[in-house]
């Protein structure tokens, strides 16, 4: 794999991480920052032209949950 591939992959993953965190924080703000809550989370990654669909699930805990 080329250096361009590695750089584009890192840039994409960084963008996913940063924008996802911002979206989660905005959702918590809109909910009034409830503490002690747990939220089921799911991310679905699709890649056009590669027939890739990858799902990641998990729990996001706010505060003392």
C-alpha atoms as a PDB file:
ATOM      1  CA  UNK A   1       0.000   0.000   0.000  1.00  0.00           C
ATOM      2  CA  UNK A   2       1.274   3.420  -0.897  1.00  0.00           C
ATOM      3  CA  UNK A   3       2.059   6.361   1.347  1.00  0.00           C
ATOM      4  CA  UNK A   4      -0.877   8.210  -0.247  1.00  0.00           C
ATOM      5  CA  UNK A   5      -3.173   5.388   0.846  1.00  0.00           C
ATOM      6  CA  UNK A   6      -1.890   5.556   4.424  1.00  0.00           C
ATOM      7  CA  UNK A   7      -2.241   9.343   4.573  1.00  0.00           C
ATOM      8  CA  UNK A   8      -5.753   9.349   3.119  1.00  0.00           C
ATOM      9  CA  UNK A   9      -6.800   6.552   5.490  1.00  0.00           C
ATOM     10  CA  UNK A  10      -5.452   8.415   8.527  1.00  0.00           C
ATOM     11  CA  UNK A  11      -7.089  11.664   7.408  1.00  0.00           C
ATOM     12  CA  UNK A  12     -10.448   9.943   6.897  1.00  0.00           C
ATOM     13  CA  UNK A  13     -10.337   8.137  10.253  1.00  0.00           C
ATOM     14  CA  UNK A  14      -9.355  11.334  12.055  1.00  0.00           C
ATOM     15  CA  UNK A  15     -12.281  13.153  10.433  1.00  0.00           C
ATOM     16  CA  UNK A  16     -14.647  10.330  11.448  1.00  0.00           C
ATOM     17  CA  UNK A  17     -13.409  10.433  15.053  1.00  0.00           C
ATOM     18  CA  UNK A  18     -13.506  14.210  15.441  1.00  0.00           C
ATOM     19  CA  UNK A  19     -16.882  14.743  13.778  1.00  0.00           C
ATOM     20  CA  UNK A  20     -18.432  11.779  15.603  1.00  0.00           C
ATOM     21  CA  UNK A  21     -17.316  13.116  18.977  1.00  0.00           C
ATOM     22  CA  UNK A  22     -18.730  16.533  18.090  1.00  0.00           C
ATOM     23  CA  UNK A  23     -22.076  14.973  17.111  1.00  0.00           C
ATOM     24  CA  UNK A  24     -22.251  12.996  20.371  1.00  0.00           C
ATOM     25  CA  UNK A  25     -21.427  16.065  22.457  1.00  0.00           C
ATOM     26  CA  UNK A  26     -24.066  18.101  20.597  1.00  0.00           C
ATOM     27  CA  UNK A  27     -26.637  15.373  21.250  1.00  0.00           C
ATOM     28  CA  UNK A  28     -25.809  15.430  24.957  1.00  0.00           C
ATOM     29  CA  UNK A  29     -26.100  19.230  25.036  1.00  0.00           C
ATOM     30  CA  UNK A  30     -29.514  19.085  23.351  1.00  0.00           C
ATOM     31  CA  UNK A  31     -30.599  16.487  25.926  1.00  0.00           C
ATOM     32  CA  UNK A  32     -29.595  18.875  28.707  1.00  0.00           C
ATOM     33  CA  UNK A  33     -26.386  17.007  29.620  1.00  0.00           C
ATOM     34  CA  UNK A  34     -28.093  14.278  31.634  1.00  0.00           C
ATOM     35  CA  UNK A  35     -25.573  12.477  33.818  1.00  0.00           C
ATOM     36  CA  UNK A  36     -25.704   8.847  34.751  1.00  0.00           C
ATOM     37  CA  UNK A  37     -27.173   7.765  31.408  1.00  0.00           C
ATOM     38  CA  UNK A  38     -26.017   5.066  29.022  1.00  0.00           C
ATOM     39  CA  UNK A  39     -26.652   5.242  25.294  1.00  0.00           C
ATOM     40  CA  UNK A  40     -26.484   2.443  22.727  1.00  0.00           C
ATOM     41  CA  UNK A  41     -24.408   3.651  19.792  1.00  0.00           C
ATOM     42  CA  UNK A  42     -23.927   2.270  16.293  1.00  0.00           C
ATOM     43  CA  UNK A  43     -21.742   3.384  13.396  1.00  0.00           C
ATOM     44  CA  UNK A  44     -22.141   1.910   9.927  1.00  0.00           C
ATOM     45  CA  UNK A  45     -19.288   2.340   7.449  1.00  0.00           C
ATOM     46  CA  UNK A  46     -19.952   1.702   3.777  1.00  0.00           C
ATOM     47  CA  UNK A  47     -17.422   2.032   0.975  1.00  0.00           C
ATOM     48  CA  UNK A  48     -18.779   2.528  -2.523  1.00  0.00           C
ATOM     49  CA  UNK A  49     -17.103   0.349  -5.120  1.00  0.00           C
ATOM     50  CA  UNK A  50     -15.744  -2.143  -2.580  1.00  0.00           C
ATOM     51  CA  UNK A  51     -19.011  -3.681  -1.359  1.00  0.00           C
ATOM     52  CA  UNK A  52     -17.894  -3.020   2.229  1.00  0.00           C
ATOM     53  CA  UNK A  53     -20.328  -2.541   5.071  1.00  0.00           C
ATOM     54  CA  UNK A  54     -18.854  -2.551   8.562  1.00  0.00           C
ATOM     55  CA  UNK A  55     -20.867  -1.964  11.741  1.00  0.00           C
ATOM     56  CA  UNK A  56     -19.471  -1.007  15.129  1.00  0.00           C
ATOM     57  CA  UNK A  57     -21.730  -0.980  18.187  1.00  0.00           C
ATOM     58  CA  UNK A  58     -21.079   0.032  21.738  1.00  0.00           C
ATOM     59  CA  UNK A  59     -22.284   1.916  24.780  1.00  0.00           C
ATOM     60  CA  UNK A  60     -21.519   5.532  25.572  1.00  0.00           C
ATOM     61  CA  UNK A  61     -21.803   6.308  29.267  1.00  0.00           C
ATOM     62  CA  UNK A  62     -22.361   9.852  30.462  1.00  0.00           C
ATOM     63  CA  UNK A  63     -21.228  10.836  33.903  1.00  0.00           C
ATOM     64  CA  UNK A  64     -21.664   8.223  36.601  1.00  0.00           C
ATOM     65  CA  UNK A  65     -23.467   5.611  34.497  1.00  0.00           C
END
